[in-house]
Amino acid sequence: MPDGGRPNGCTCAHLQLLGTPGVTQAVGCADCLSRGWRWVRLRLCVTCGYVGCCDSSRGMHAHDHYTRSGHPVVLSLASDEDWAWCFADQVFLTRSRESRSGHPRPRPC
C-alpha cells in the first residue's frame, strides 16, 4: 500500500504508555547477542524496558517481543532517530519540533 499500511487517521490508542523519555544505555539486543548475531538498530519497549533489534535486523526481536508480550510501543534507541512505533496501530510517533523533550505524537498523514 502507498501509505505502508498505516491508517489514514494516524492515531495511536497507546500514547498513555509513553513517559518522559530518559537516557537509555543498551549494550545490544540480548537475543542477538546470545546467538552471536549482529543487529541494525535497537528498539526499547516502553512497557517493560526490553531492548530488541529492529525489523531490518536478522532476528526482528523487538517485533517478536510485541508478538509474544502484546506490548505495543517501542522507542528507537538510534542516536539519529527521534521516534516511536506502535505495532498495534501501525503508527509512527514523533516529537514535535517545538518540544523535543515532550511526548511523541502521531506523525501527520
Protein backbone atom coordinates (compact mmCIF):
# COMPACT_ATOMS: atom_id res chain seq x y z
CA MET A 1 0.00 0.00 0.00
CA PRO A 2 1.27 3.54 -0.72
CA ASP A 3 0.99 4.51 2.96
CA GLY A 4 2.79 1.41 4.22
CA GLY A 5 -0.45 0.06 5.66
CA ARG A 6 -0.87 2.86 8.19
CA PRO A 7 -4.40 4.05 8.97
CA ASN A 8 -5.46 7.33 7.39
CA GLY A 9 -6.16 8.94 10.76
CA CYS A 10 -2.69 8.16 12.16
CA THR A 11 -3.98 7.71 15.67
CA CYS A 12 -2.49 5.68 18.48
CA ALA A 13 -4.54 4.35 21.37
CA HIS A 14 -1.39 3.77 23.44
CA LEU A 15 0.08 7.26 23.92
CA GLN A 16 -0.53 6.96 27.66
CA LEU A 17 2.26 4.37 27.78
CA LEU A 18 4.84 6.98 26.87
CA GLY A 19 6.55 8.73 29.74
CA THR A 20 9.24 11.34 29.55
CA PRO A 21 11.99 9.66 27.56
CA GLY A 22 15.15 9.10 29.57
CA VAL A 23 18.68 8.28 28.58
CA THR A 24 18.93 4.58 27.94
CA GLN A 25 22.23 2.76 27.71
CA ALA A 26 21.82 -0.54 25.91
CA VAL A 27 24.64 -2.96 25.23
CA GLY A 28 22.63 -4.51 22.41
CA CYS A 29 19.88 -6.93 21.60
CA ALA A 30 20.24 -9.69 24.21
CA ASP A 31 18.60 -12.26 21.93
CA CYS A 32 21.03 -11.47 19.09
CA LEU A 33 24.00 -11.43 21.48
CA SER A 34 23.08 -14.89 22.78
CA ARG A 35 23.11 -16.22 19.19
CA GLY A 36 26.21 -14.36 18.06
CA TRP A 37 24.18 -12.29 15.58
CA ARG A 38 24.54 -8.61 14.65
CA TRP A 39 21.67 -6.14 14.60
CA VAL A 40 20.94 -2.98 12.61
CA ARG A 41 19.08 -0.75 15.11
CA LEU A 42 17.75 -1.17 18.65
CA ARG A 43 14.23 -0.56 19.95
CA LEU A 44 13.12 -0.08 23.58
CA CYS A 45 9.78 -1.44 24.77
CA VAL A 46 8.13 1.40 26.72
CA THR A 47 6.07 -1.06 28.77
CA CYS A 48 8.83 -3.23 30.27
CA GLY A 49 12.19 -1.89 29.07
CA TYR A 50 13.06 -4.86 26.86
CA VAL A 51 15.66 -3.93 24.22
CA GLY A 52 15.35 -5.75 20.91
CA CYS A 53 16.58 -5.35 17.36
CA CYS A 54 14.56 -3.66 14.61
CA ASP A 55 12.67 -5.29 11.74
CA SER A 56 15.66 -4.67 9.43
CA SER A 57 17.75 -6.92 11.66
CA ARG A 58 18.04 -10.67 11.21
CA GLY A 59 16.22 -11.51 14.44
CA MET A 60 13.48 -8.85 14.40
CA HIS A 61 13.41 -9.32 18.19
CA ALA A 62 11.55 -6.09 19.03
CA HIS A 63 8.66 -7.24 16.81
CA ASP A 64 8.88 -10.74 18.26
CA HIS A 65 8.67 -9.24 21.75
CA TYR A 66 5.48 -7.39 20.74
CA THR A 67 4.01 -10.61 19.31
CA ARG A 68 4.78 -12.58 22.47
CA SER A 69 4.00 -9.90 25.07
CA GLY A 70 1.42 -7.63 23.46
CA HIS A 71 3.48 -4.57 24.49
CA PRO A 72 2.61 -2.23 21.61
CA VAL A 73 5.05 0.71 21.62
CA VAL A 74 8.82 0.85 21.11
CA LEU A 75 11.19 3.81 21.06
CA SER A 76 14.09 3.92 18.67
CA LEU A 77 17.42 3.93 20.52
CA ALA A 78 19.38 5.10 17.46
CA SER A 79 21.07 8.44 18.12
CA ASP A 80 19.95 9.76 14.73
CA GLU A 81 16.28 8.77 15.18
CA ASP A 82 13.70 10.53 17.34
CA TRP A 83 10.54 8.48 17.12
CA ALA A 84 8.48 5.65 18.50
CA TRP A 85 6.43 2.99 16.71
CA CYS A 86 3.12 1.48 17.75
CA PHE A 87 2.95 -2.09 16.44
CA ALA A 88 -0.73 -2.42 17.35
CA ASP A 89 -1.88 0.71 15.50
CA GLN A 90 0.90 0.69 12.86
CA VAL A 91 1.72 4.36 13.51
CA PHE A 92 5.00 6.27 13.78
CA LEU A 93 5.05 8.66 16.74
CA THR A 94 7.35 11.67 16.51
CA ARG A 95 8.12 14.54 18.85
CA SER A 96 7.09 17.96 17.66
CA ARG A 97 9.91 20.29 16.63
CA GLU A 98 8.71 22.84 19.17
CA SER A 99 9.19 20.45 22.07
CA ARG A 100 11.83 17.79 21.52
CA SER A 101 11.63 16.86 25.19
CA GLY A 102 7.86 16.29 25.03
CA HIS A 103 5.89 13.15 24.43
CA PRO A 104 5.85 11.65 20.93
CA ARG A 105 2.70 12.37 18.92
CA PRO A 106 1.30 10.70 15.83
CA ARG A 107 3.01 11.89 12.68
CA PRO A 108 0.72 13.92 10.42
CA CYS A 109 -0.58 11.96 7.43
